[in-house]
All heavy atoms as atom14 arrays in JSON, in Angstrom:
{
  "sequence": "PIPFIIWGSLAFQDRLAPLYADVREKVSFLNGQLSNNLMGITTIKSF",
  "atom14_mask": [
    [1, 1, 1, 1, 1, 1, 1, 0, 0, 0, 0, 0, 0, 0],
    [1, 1, 1, 1, 1, 1, 1, 1, 0, 0, 0, 0, 0, 0],
    [1, 1, 1, 1, 1, 1, 1, 0, 0, 0, 0, 0, 0, 0],
    [1, 1, 1, 1, 1, 1, 1, 1, 1, 1, 1, 0, 0, 0],
    [1, 1, 1, 1, 1, 1, 1, 1, 0, 0, 0, 0, 0, 0],
    [1, 1, 1, 1, 1, 1, 1, 1, 0, 0, 0, 0, 0, 0],
    [1, 1, 1, 1, 1, 1, 1, 1, 1, 1, 1, 1, 1, 1],
    [1, 1, 1, 1, 0, 0, 0, 0, 0, 0, 0, 0, 0, 0],
    [1, 1, 1, 1, 1, 1, 0, 0, 0, 0, 0, 0, 0, 0],
    [1, 1, 1, 1, 1, 1, 1, 1, 0, 0, 0, 0, 0, 0],
    [1, 1, 1, 1, 1, 0, 0, 0, 0, 0, 0, 0, 0, 0],
    [1, 1, 1, 1, 1, 1, 1, 1, 1, 1, 1, 0, 0, 0],
    [1, 1, 1, 1, 1, 1, 1, 1, 1, 0, 0, 0, 0, 0],
    [1, 1, 1, 1, 1, 1, 1, 1, 0, 0, 0, 0, 0, 0],
    [1, 1, 1, 1, 1, 1, 1, 1, 1, 1, 1, 0, 0, 0],
    [1, 1, 1, 1, 1, 1, 1, 1, 0, 0, 0, 0, 0, 0],
    [1, 1, 1, 1, 1, 0, 0, 0, 0, 0, 0, 0, 0, 0],
    [1, 1, 1, 1, 1, 1, 1, 0, 0, 0, 0, 0, 0, 0],
    [1, 1, 1, 1, 1, 1, 1, 1, 0, 0, 0, 0, 0, 0],
    [1, 1, 1, 1, 1, 1, 1, 1, 1, 1, 1, 1, 0, 0],
    [1, 1, 1, 1, 1, 0, 0, 0, 0, 0, 0, 0, 0, 0],
    [1, 1, 1, 1, 1, 1, 1, 1, 0, 0, 0, 0, 0, 0],
    [1, 1, 1, 1, 1, 1, 1, 0, 0, 0, 0, 0, 0, 0],
    [1, 1, 1, 1, 1, 1, 1, 1, 1, 1, 1, 0, 0, 0],
    [1, 1, 1, 1, 1, 1, 1, 1, 1, 0, 0, 0, 0, 0],
    [1, 1, 1, 1, 1, 1, 1, 1, 1, 0, 0, 0, 0, 0],
    [1, 1, 1, 1, 1, 1, 1, 0, 0, 0, 0, 0, 0, 0],
    [1, 1, 1, 1, 1, 1, 0, 0, 0, 0, 0, 0, 0, 0],
    [1, 1, 1, 1, 1, 1, 1, 1, 1, 1, 1, 0, 0, 0],
    [1, 1, 1, 1, 1, 1, 1, 1, 0, 0, 0, 0, 0, 0],
    [1, 1, 1, 1, 1, 1, 1, 1, 0, 0, 0, 0, 0, 0],
    [1, 1, 1, 1, 0, 0, 0, 0, 0, 0, 0, 0, 0, 0],
    [1, 1, 1, 1, 1, 1, 1, 1, 1, 0, 0, 0, 0, 0],
    [1, 1, 1, 1, 1, 1, 1, 1, 0, 0, 0, 0, 0, 0],
    [1, 1, 1, 1, 1, 1, 0, 0, 0, 0, 0, 0, 0, 0],
    [1, 1, 1, 1, 1, 1, 1, 1, 0, 0, 0, 0, 0, 0],
    [1, 1, 1, 1, 1, 1, 1, 1, 0, 0, 0, 0, 0, 0],
    [1, 1, 1, 1, 1, 1, 1, 1, 0, 0, 0, 0, 0, 0],
    [1, 1, 1, 1, 1, 1, 1, 1, 0, 0, 0, 0, 0, 0],
    [1, 1, 1, 1, 0, 0, 0, 0, 0, 0, 0, 0, 0, 0],
    [1, 1, 1, 1, 1, 1, 1, 1, 0, 0, 0, 0, 0, 0],
    [1, 1, 1, 1, 1, 1, 1, 0, 0, 0, 0, 0, 0, 0],
    [1, 1, 1, 1, 1, 1, 1, 0, 0, 0, 0, 0, 0, 0],
    [1, 1, 1, 1, 1, 1, 1, 1, 0, 0, 0, 0, 0, 0],
    [1, 1, 1, 1, 1, 1, 1, 1, 1, 0, 0, 0, 0, 0],
    [1, 1, 1, 1, 1, 1, 0, 0, 0, 0, 0, 0, 0, 0],
    [1, 1, 1, 1, 1, 1, 1, 1, 1, 1, 1, 0, 0, 0]
  ],
  "atom14_positions": [
    [[-15.78, -0.34, 26.99], [-14.45, -0.1, 26.42], [-14.45, 0.68, 25.1], [-13.44, 1.28, 24.74], [-13.89, -1.51, 26.19], [-14.71, -2.4, 27.05], [-16.06, -1.78, 27.11], [0.0, 0.0, 0.0], [0.0, 0.0, 0.0], [0.0, 0.0, 0.0], [0.0, 0.0, 0.0], [0.0, 0.0, 0.0], [0.0, 0.0, 0.0], [0.0, 0.0, 0.0]],
    [[-15.58, 0.65, 24.39], [-15.58, 1.23, 23.05], [-15.26, 2.72, 23.04], [-14.44, 3.17, 22.24], [-16.93, 0.93, 22.36], [-17.07, -0.59, 22.12], [-17.05, 1.69, 21.03], [-18.36, -1.01, 21.46], [0.0, 0.0, 0.0], [0.0, 0.0, 0.0], [0.0, 0.0, 0.0], [0.0, 0.0, 0.0], [0.0, 0.0, 0.0], [0.0, 0.0, 0.0]],
    [[-15.88, 3.56, 23.94], [-15.5, 4.99, 23.93], [-14.01, 5.21, 24.2], [-13.39, 6.1, 23.61], [-16.36, 5.59, 25.03], [-17.52, 4.66, 25.15], [-16.99, 3.3, 24.88], [0.0, 0.0, 0.0], [0.0, 0.0, 0.0], [0.0, 0.0, 0.0], [0.0, 0.0, 0.0], [0.0, 0.0, 0.0], [0.0, 0.0, 0.0], [0.0, 0.0, 0.0]],
    [[-13.42, 4.38, 25.1], [-11.99, 4.52, 25.39], [-11.15, 4.16, 24.17], [-10.11, 4.78, 23.92], [-11.61, 3.64, 26.59], [-12.19, 4.11, 27.89], [-13.36, 3.54, 28.39], [-11.59, 5.14, 28.6], [-13.91, 3.98, 29.59], [-12.13, 5.58, 29.8], [-13.3, 5.01, 30.3], [0.0, 0.0, 0.0], [0.0, 0.0, 0.0], [0.0, 0.0, 0.0]],
    [[-11.61, 3.12, 23.45], [-10.88, 2.71, 22.25], [-10.92, 3.82, 21.2], [-9.9, 4.15, 20.58], [-11.48, 1.39, 21.68], [-11.22, 0.24, 22.65], [-10.89, 1.09, 20.3], [-11.91, -1.05, 22.26], [0.0, 0.0, 0.0], [0.0, 0.0, 0.0], [0.0, 0.0, 0.0], [0.0, 0.0, 0.0], [0.0, 0.0, 0.0], [0.0, 0.0, 0.0]],
    [[-12.11, 4.41, 21.03], [-12.24, 5.5, 20.04], [-11.4, 6.7, 20.44], [-10.68, 7.28, 19.62], [-13.72, 5.89, 19.88], [-14.5, 4.71, 19.27], [-13.85, 7.12, 18.99], [-15.99, 4.94, 19.18], [0.0, 0.0, 0.0], [0.0, 0.0, 0.0], [0.0, 0.0, 0.0], [0.0, 0.0, 0.0], [0.0, 0.0, 0.0], [0.0, 0.0, 0.0]],
    [[-11.47, 7.07, 21.74], [-10.68, 8.21, 22.21], [-9.18, 7.96, 22.05], [-8.43, 8.81, 21.58], [-11.02, 8.48, 23.68], [-10.11, 9.5, 24.29], [-10.19, 10.85, 24.18], [-8.96, 9.24, 25.11], [-9.17, 11.47, 24.87], [-8.39, 10.49, 25.44], [-8.35, 8.06, 25.58], [-7.26, 10.6, 26.24], [-7.22, 8.17, 26.37], [-6.68, 9.43, 26.69]],
    [[-8.75, 6.75, 22.43], [-7.33, 6.41, 22.28], [-6.9, 6.39, 20.83], [-5.78, 6.82, 20.5], [0.0, 0.0, 0.0], [0.0, 0.0, 0.0], [0.0, 0.0, 0.0], [0.0, 0.0, 0.0], [0.0, 0.0, 0.0], [0.0, 0.0, 0.0], [0.0, 0.0, 0.0], [0.0, 0.0, 0.0], [0.0, 0.0, 0.0], [0.0, 0.0, 0.0]],
    [[-7.79, 5.91, 19.98], [-7.46, 5.87, 18.55], [-7.25, 7.26, 17.99], [-6.3, 7.52, 17.25], [-8.58, 5.16, 17.78], [-8.74, 3.84, 18.23], [0.0, 0.0, 0.0], [0.0, 0.0, 0.0], [0.0, 0.0, 0.0], [0.0, 0.0, 0.0], [0.0, 0.0, 0.0], [0.0, 0.0, 0.0], [0.0, 0.0, 0.0], [0.0, 0.0, 0.0]],
    [[-8.16, 8.18, 18.35], [-8.03, 9.56, 17.86], [-6.77, 10.22, 18.41], [-6.08, 10.97, 17.69], [-9.27, 10.36, 18.26], [-10.59, 9.92, 17.61], [-11.75, 10.72, 18.16], [-10.52, 10.05, 16.09], [0.0, 0.0, 0.0], [0.0, 0.0, 0.0], [0.0, 0.0, 0.0], [0.0, 0.0, 0.0], [0.0, 0.0, 0.0], [0.0, 0.0, 0.0]],
    [[-6.47, 9.95, 19.71], [-5.27, 10.54, 20.3], [-4.01, 10.03, 19.62], [-3.08, 10.8, 19.33], [-5.23, 10.23, 21.8], [0.0, 0.0, 0.0], [0.0, 0.0, 0.0], [0.0, 0.0, 0.0], [0.0, 0.0, 0.0], [0.0, 0.0, 0.0], [0.0, 0.0, 0.0], [0.0, 0.0, 0.0], [0.0, 0.0, 0.0], [0.0, 0.0, 0.0]],
    [[-3.97, 8.72, 19.33], [-2.82, 8.15, 18.65], [-2.7, 8.67, 17.22], [-1.6, 8.87, 16.7], [-2.91, 6.62, 18.65], [-2.18, 5.98, 19.8], [-2.78, 5.84, 21.03], [-0.88, 5.53, 19.64], [-2.11, 5.26, 22.1], [-0.2, 4.94, 20.69], [-0.81, 4.8, 21.93], [0.0, 0.0, 0.0], [0.0, 0.0, 0.0], [0.0, 0.0, 0.0]],
    [[-3.84, 8.88, 16.59], [-3.8, 9.41, 15.22], [-3.13, 10.78, 15.18], [-2.32, 11.06, 14.29], [-5.23, 9.54, 14.68], [-5.81, 8.24, 14.16], [-7.14, 8.46, 13.48], [-7.31, 9.37, 12.7], [-8.1, 7.61, 13.79], [0.0, 0.0, 0.0], [0.0, 0.0, 0.0], [0.0, 0.0, 0.0], [0.0, 0.0, 0.0], [0.0, 0.0, 0.0]],
    [[-3.46, 11.63, 16.17], [-2.86, 12.96, 16.2], [-1.35, 12.88, 16.34], [-0.61, 13.7, 15.79], [-3.44, 13.78, 17.36], [-4.9, 14.16, 17.09], [-5.3, 14.15, 15.92], [-5.62, 14.44, 18.08], [0.0, 0.0, 0.0], [0.0, 0.0, 0.0], [0.0, 0.0, 0.0], [0.0, 0.0, 0.0], [0.0, 0.0, 0.0], [0.0, 0.0, 0.0]],
    [[-0.87, 11.88, 17.09], [0.58, 11.73, 17.29], [1.24, 11.01, 16.11], [2.41, 11.26, 15.81], [0.86, 10.96, 18.58], [0.36, 11.68, 19.84], [0.8, 10.96, 21.09], [2.26, 10.92, 21.19], [2.91, 10.27, 22.14], [2.23, 9.6, 23.09], [4.23, 10.26, 22.19], [0.0, 0.0, 0.0], [0.0, 0.0, 0.0], [0.0, 0.0, 0.0]],
    [[0.48, 10.14, 15.47], [1.05, 9.38, 14.34], [1.12, 10.19, 13.06], [2.01, 9.96, 12.23], [0.21, 8.12, 14.09], [0.52, 6.89, 14.95], [-0.52, 5.81, 14.7], [1.92, 6.35, 14.66], [0.0, 0.0, 0.0], [0.0, 0.0, 0.0], [0.0, 0.0, 0.0], [0.0, 0.0, 0.0], [0.0, 0.0, 0.0], [0.0, 0.0, 0.0]],
    [[0.18, 11.13, 12.89], [0.09, 11.87, 11.62], [1.41, 12.53, 11.22], [1.9, 12.32, 10.11], [-1.04, 12.89, 11.69], [0.0, 0.0, 0.0], [0.0, 0.0, 0.0], [0.0, 0.0, 0.0], [0.0, 0.0, 0.0], [0.0, 0.0, 0.0], [0.0, 0.0, 0.0], [0.0, 0.0, 0.0], [0.0, 0.0, 0.0], [0.0, 0.0, 0.0]],
    [[2.05, 13.33, 12.11], [3.32, 13.95, 11.69], [4.44, 12.95, 11.48], [5.33, 13.17, 10.65], [3.64, 14.92, 12.85], [2.88, 14.4, 14.01], [1.64, 13.78, 13.45], [0.0, 0.0, 0.0], [0.0, 0.0, 0.0], [0.0, 0.0, 0.0], [0.0, 0.0, 0.0], [0.0, 0.0, 0.0], [0.0, 0.0, 0.0], [0.0, 0.0, 0.0]],
    [[4.4, 11.83, 12.21], [5.44, 10.81, 12.04], [5.35, 10.16, 10.67], [6.36, 9.97, 9.98], [5.32, 9.75, 13.14], [5.56, 10.24, 14.57], [5.41, 9.09, 15.56], [6.95, 10.85, 14.69], [0.0, 0.0, 0.0], [0.0, 0.0, 0.0], [0.0, 0.0, 0.0], [0.0, 0.0, 0.0], [0.0, 0.0, 0.0], [0.0, 0.0, 0.0]],
    [[4.13, 9.83, 10.25], [3.97, 9.21, 8.93], [4.2, 10.21, 7.81], [4.68, 9.86, 6.73], [2.59, 8.56, 8.81], [2.51, 7.21, 9.48], [1.47, 6.88, 10.31], [3.51, 6.27, 9.27], [1.4, 5.65, 10.94], [3.45, 5.03, 9.9], [2.4, 4.72, 10.73], [2.36, 3.5, 11.33], [0.0, 0.0, 0.0], [0.0, 0.0, 0.0]],
    [[3.87, 11.48, 8.06], [4.19, 12.51, 7.06], [5.7, 12.59, 6.86], [6.19, 12.75, 5.74], [3.63, 13.86, 7.5], [0.0, 0.0, 0.0], [0.0, 0.0, 0.0], [0.0, 0.0, 0.0], [0.0, 0.0, 0.0], [0.0, 0.0, 0.0], [0.0, 0.0, 0.0], [0.0, 0.0, 0.0], [0.0, 0.0, 0.0], [0.0, 0.0, 0.0]],
    [[6.45, 12.49, 7.97], [7.91, 12.51, 7.88], [8.43, 11.27, 7.15], [9.4, 11.36, 6.38], [8.51, 12.59, 9.29], [10.01, 12.77, 9.26], [10.48, 13.79, 8.71], [10.72, 11.89, 9.77], [0.0, 0.0, 0.0], [0.0, 0.0, 0.0], [0.0, 0.0, 0.0], [0.0, 0.0, 0.0], [0.0, 0.0, 0.0], [0.0, 0.0, 0.0]],
    [[7.8, 10.13, 7.38], [8.2, 8.9, 6.67], [8.06, 9.08, 5.16], [8.96, 8.74, 4.38], [7.35, 7.7, 7.15], [7.56, 6.49, 6.24], [7.71, 7.34, 8.59], [0.0, 0.0, 0.0], [0.0, 0.0, 0.0], [0.0, 0.0, 0.0], [0.0, 0.0, 0.0], [0.0, 0.0, 0.0], [0.0, 0.0, 0.0], [0.0, 0.0, 0.0]],
    [[6.92, 9.62, 4.73], [6.69, 9.81, 3.3], [7.68, 10.82, 2.71], [8.13, 10.7, 1.57], [5.26, 10.29, 3.04], [4.15, 9.39, 3.54], [4.35, 7.93, 3.22], [4.64, 7.7, 1.82], [5.2, 6.6, 1.36], [5.57, 5.64, 2.19], [5.41, 6.46, 0.07], [0.0, 0.0, 0.0], [0.0, 0.0, 0.0], [0.0, 0.0, 0.0]],
    [[8.03, 11.82, 3.52], [8.99, 12.83, 3.06], [10.37, 12.2, 2.88], [11.07, 12.44, 1.88], [9.06, 13.97, 4.07], [9.77, 15.21, 3.56], [8.97, 15.95, 2.51], [7.73, 15.74, 2.43], [9.57, 16.74, 1.76], [0.0, 0.0, 0.0], [0.0, 0.0, 0.0], [0.0, 0.0, 0.0], [0.0, 0.0, 0.0], [0.0, 0.0, 0.0]],
    [[10.76, 11.34, 3.84], [12.08, 10.71, 3.76], [12.16, 9.74, 2.58], [13.19, 9.67, 1.89], [12.36, 9.95, 5.07], [12.56, 10.85, 6.28], [13.81, 11.7, 6.13], [14.18, 12.41, 7.44], [13.14, 13.32, 7.93], [0.0, 0.0, 0.0], [0.0, 0.0, 0.0], [0.0, 0.0, 0.0], [0.0, 0.0, 0.0], [0.0, 0.0, 0.0]],
    [[11.11, 8.99, 2.33], [11.15, 8.07, 1.19], [11.16, 8.83, -0.12], [11.72, 8.39, -1.12], [9.98, 7.06, 1.26], [8.67, 7.68, 0.82], [10.27, 5.83, 0.39], [0.0, 0.0, 0.0], [0.0, 0.0, 0.0], [0.0, 0.0, 0.0], [0.0, 0.0, 0.0], [0.0, 0.0, 0.0], [0.0, 0.0, 0.0], [0.0, 0.0, 0.0]],
    [[10.56, 10.03, -0.12], [10.61, 10.87, -1.31], [12.04, 11.31, -1.59], [12.51, 11.28, -2.74], [9.7, 12.09, -1.12], [9.8, 12.97, -2.22], [0.0, 0.0, 0.0], [0.0, 0.0, 0.0], [0.0, 0.0, 0.0], [0.0, 0.0, 0.0], [0.0, 0.0, 0.0], [0.0, 0.0, 0.0], [0.0, 0.0, 0.0], [0.0, 0.0, 0.0]],
    [[12.77, 11.73, -0.54], [14.17, 12.11, -0.72], [15.0, 10.94, -1.22], [15.87, 11.1, -2.08], [14.74, 12.62, 0.61], [14.17, 13.92, 1.06], [14.07, 14.24, 2.41], [13.71, 14.85, 0.15], [13.54, 15.45, 2.83], [13.18, 16.07, 0.54], [13.09, 16.36, 1.89], [0.0, 0.0, 0.0], [0.0, 0.0, 0.0], [0.0, 0.0, 0.0]],
    [[14.73, 9.76, -0.67], [15.48, 8.57, -1.08], [15.23, 8.24, -2.54], [16.16, 7.95, -3.31], [15.08, 7.38, -0.19], [15.75, 6.03, -0.49], [17.27, 6.15, -0.39], [15.23, 4.96, 0.44], [0.0, 0.0, 0.0], [0.0, 0.0, 0.0], [0.0, 0.0, 0.0], [0.0, 0.0, 0.0], [0.0, 0.0, 0.0], [0.0, 0.0, 0.0]],
    [[13.96, 8.29, -2.95], [13.64, 8.03, -4.35], [14.28, 9.07, -5.28], [14.71, 8.75, -6.39], [12.12, 8.02, -4.55], [11.48, 6.76, -4.05], [12.15, 5.76, -3.86], [10.19, 6.79, -3.79], [0.0, 0.0, 0.0], [0.0, 0.0, 0.0], [0.0, 0.0, 0.0], [0.0, 0.0, 0.0], [0.0, 0.0, 0.0], [0.0, 0.0, 0.0]],
    [[14.3, 10.32, -4.82], [14.92, 11.36, -5.62], [16.4, 11.1, -5.84], [16.92, 11.29, -6.94], [0.0, 0.0, 0.0], [0.0, 0.0, 0.0], [0.0, 0.0, 0.0], [0.0, 0.0, 0.0], [0.0, 0.0, 0.0], [0.0, 0.0, 0.0], [0.0, 0.0, 0.0], [0.0, 0.0, 0.0], [0.0, 0.0, 0.0], [0.0, 0.0, 0.0]],
    [[17.08, 10.65, -4.77], [18.5, 10.36, -4.89], [18.75, 9.17, -5.83], [19.67, 9.19, -6.65], [19.07, 10.05, -3.51], [20.59, 9.93, -3.46], [21.26, 11.23, -3.82], [20.98, 12.26, -3.23], [22.13, 11.19, -4.81], [0.0, 0.0, 0.0], [0.0, 0.0, 0.0], [0.0, 0.0, 0.0], [0.0, 0.0, 0.0], [0.0, 0.0, 0.0]],
    [[17.92, 8.15, -5.71], [18.06, 6.98, -6.59], [17.81, 7.36, -8.05], [18.53, 6.91, -8.95], [17.07, 5.88, -6.16], [17.4, 5.16, -4.85], [16.21, 4.3, -4.42], [18.64, 4.3, -5.0], [0.0, 0.0, 0.0], [0.0, 0.0, 0.0], [0.0, 0.0, 0.0], [0.0, 0.0, 0.0], [0.0, 0.0, 0.0], [0.0, 0.0, 0.0]],
    [[16.8, 8.19, -8.28], [16.5, 8.63, -9.63], [17.67, 9.41, -10.23], [18.07, 9.19, -11.38], [15.23, 9.51, -9.63], [14.96, 10.02, -10.91], [0.0, 0.0, 0.0], [0.0, 0.0, 0.0], [0.0, 0.0, 0.0], [0.0, 0.0, 0.0], [0.0, 0.0, 0.0], [0.0, 0.0, 0.0], [0.0, 0.0, 0.0], [0.0, 0.0, 0.0]],
    [[18.25, 10.32, -9.44], [19.4, 11.08, -9.92], [20.58, 10.17, -10.24], [21.27, 10.36, -11.25], [19.83, 12.11, -8.86], [18.92, 13.32, -8.85], [18.27, 13.63, -9.84], [18.85, 14.0, -7.72], [0.0, 0.0, 0.0], [0.0, 0.0, 0.0], [0.0, 0.0, 0.0], [0.0, 0.0, 0.0], [0.0, 0.0, 0.0], [0.0, 0.0, 0.0]],
    [[20.82, 9.18, -9.4], [21.94, 8.28, -9.63], [21.76, 7.44, -10.88], [22.72, 7.21, -11.62], [22.14, 7.37, -8.42], [22.73, 8.12, -7.23], [23.0, 9.31, -7.32], [22.92, 7.43, -6.12], [0.0, 0.0, 0.0], [0.0, 0.0, 0.0], [0.0, 0.0, 0.0], [0.0, 0.0, 0.0], [0.0, 0.0, 0.0], [0.0, 0.0, 0.0]],
    [[20.53, 6.99, -11.11], [20.29, 6.18, -12.31], [20.45, 7.01, -13.58], [21.01, 6.55, -14.58], [18.9, 5.56, -12.24], [18.7, 4.46, -11.19], [17.24, 4.04, -11.1], [19.57, 3.26, -11.51], [0.0, 0.0, 0.0], [0.0, 0.0, 0.0], [0.0, 0.0, 0.0], [0.0, 0.0, 0.0], [0.0, 0.0, 0.0], [0.0, 0.0, 0.0]],
    [[19.96, 8.25, -13.54], [20.09, 9.11, -14.72], [21.53, 9.56, -14.94], [21.95, 9.79, -16.06], [19.17, 10.33, -14.58], [17.7, 10.0, -14.71], [16.64, 11.46, -14.85], [16.85, 12.18, -13.21], [0.0, 0.0, 0.0], [0.0, 0.0, 0.0], [0.0, 0.0, 0.0], [0.0, 0.0, 0.0], [0.0, 0.0, 0.0], [0.0, 0.0, 0.0]],
    [[22.3, 9.66, -13.84], [23.68, 10.11, -13.97], [24.7, 9.01, -13.83], [25.83, 9.26, -13.41], [0.0, 0.0, 0.0], [0.0, 0.0, 0.0], [0.0, 0.0, 0.0], [0.0, 0.0, 0.0], [0.0, 0.0, 0.0], [0.0, 0.0, 0.0], [0.0, 0.0, 0.0], [0.0, 0.0, 0.0], [0.0, 0.0, 0.0], [0.0, 0.0, 0.0]],
    [[24.3, 7.77, -14.17], [25.18, 6.62, -13.94], [26.49, 6.73, -14.72], [27.55, 6.33, -14.23], [24.44, 5.3, -14.28], [25.22, 4.09, -13.77], [24.17, 5.2, -15.76], [25.26, 4.02, -12.26], [0.0, 0.0, 0.0], [0.0, 0.0, 0.0], [0.0, 0.0, 0.0], [0.0, 0.0, 0.0], [0.0, 0.0, 0.0], [0.0, 0.0, 0.0]],
    [[26.46, 7.32, -15.92], [27.68, 7.47, -16.7], [28.65, 8.4, -16.01], [29.86, 8.13, -15.92], [27.36, 8.0, -18.11], [26.45, 7.11, -18.76], [28.62, 8.12, -18.95], [0.0, 0.0, 0.0], [0.0, 0.0, 0.0], [0.0, 0.0, 0.0], [0.0, 0.0, 0.0], [0.0, 0.0, 0.0], [0.0, 0.0, 0.0], [0.0, 0.0, 0.0]],
    [[28.15, 9.51, -15.49], [29.0, 10.45, -14.77], [29.57, 9.81, -13.51], [30.76, 9.98, -13.19], [28.19, 11.71, -14.39], [27.66, 12.3, -15.57], [29.06, 12.73, -13.67], [0.0, 0.0, 0.0], [0.0, 0.0, 0.0], [0.0, 0.0, 0.0], [0.0, 0.0, 0.0], [0.0, 0.0, 0.0], [0.0, 0.0, 0.0], [0.0, 0.0, 0.0]],
    [[28.75, 9.06, -12.79], [29.21, 8.39, -11.57], [30.34, 7.43, -11.88], [31.38, 7.41, -11.2], [28.04, 7.64, -10.9], [27.02, 8.65, -10.35], [28.54, 6.74, -9.77], [25.75, 8.02, -9.85], [0.0, 0.0, 0.0], [0.0, 0.0, 0.0], [0.0, 0.0, 0.0], [0.0, 0.0, 0.0], [0.0, 0.0, 0.0], [0.0, 0.0, 0.0]],
    [[30.2, 6.64, -12.93], [31.23, 5.67, -13.31], [32.49, 6.37, -13.81], [33.61, 5.96, -13.49], [30.69, 4.72, -14.37], [29.67, 3.72, -13.84], [29.21, 2.77, -14.93], [28.22, 1.75, -14.37], [28.85, 0.86, -13.38], [0.0, 0.0, 0.0], [0.0, 0.0, 0.0], [0.0, 0.0, 0.0], [0.0, 0.0, 0.0], [0.0, 0.0, 0.0]],
    [[32.31, 7.44, -14.59], [33.48, 8.1, -15.15], [34.32, 8.8, -14.08], [35.53, 8.94, -14.23], [33.05, 9.13, -16.21], [32.32, 10.19, -15.62], [0.0, 0.0, 0.0], [0.0, 0.0, 0.0], [0.0, 0.0, 0.0], [0.0, 0.0, 0.0], [0.0, 0.0, 0.0], [0.0, 0.0, 0.0], [0.0, 0.0, 0.0], [0.0, 0.0, 0.0]],
    [[33.69, 9.21, -12.97], [34.42, 9.84, -11.88], [34.73, 8.85, -10.74], [35.18, 9.26, -9.68], [33.64, 11.03, -11.32], [33.73, 12.26, -12.17], [32.81, 12.49, -13.18], [34.74, 13.18, -11.99], [32.88, 13.62, -13.98], [34.83, 14.31, -12.77], [33.9, 14.54, -13.78], [0.0, 0.0, 0.0], [0.0, 0.0, 0.0], [0.0, 0.0, 0.0]]
  ]
}
């Protein structure tokens, strides 16, 4: 079973890599939005 496990692991890695890259990109956008809101909290409240 070990060669099949290694082959399957490598195949899954190739499919998982872009998905996890997209996850990190999305959390970066979310953090950016939160950072902007915290820095602009006075403007948000005033409007």
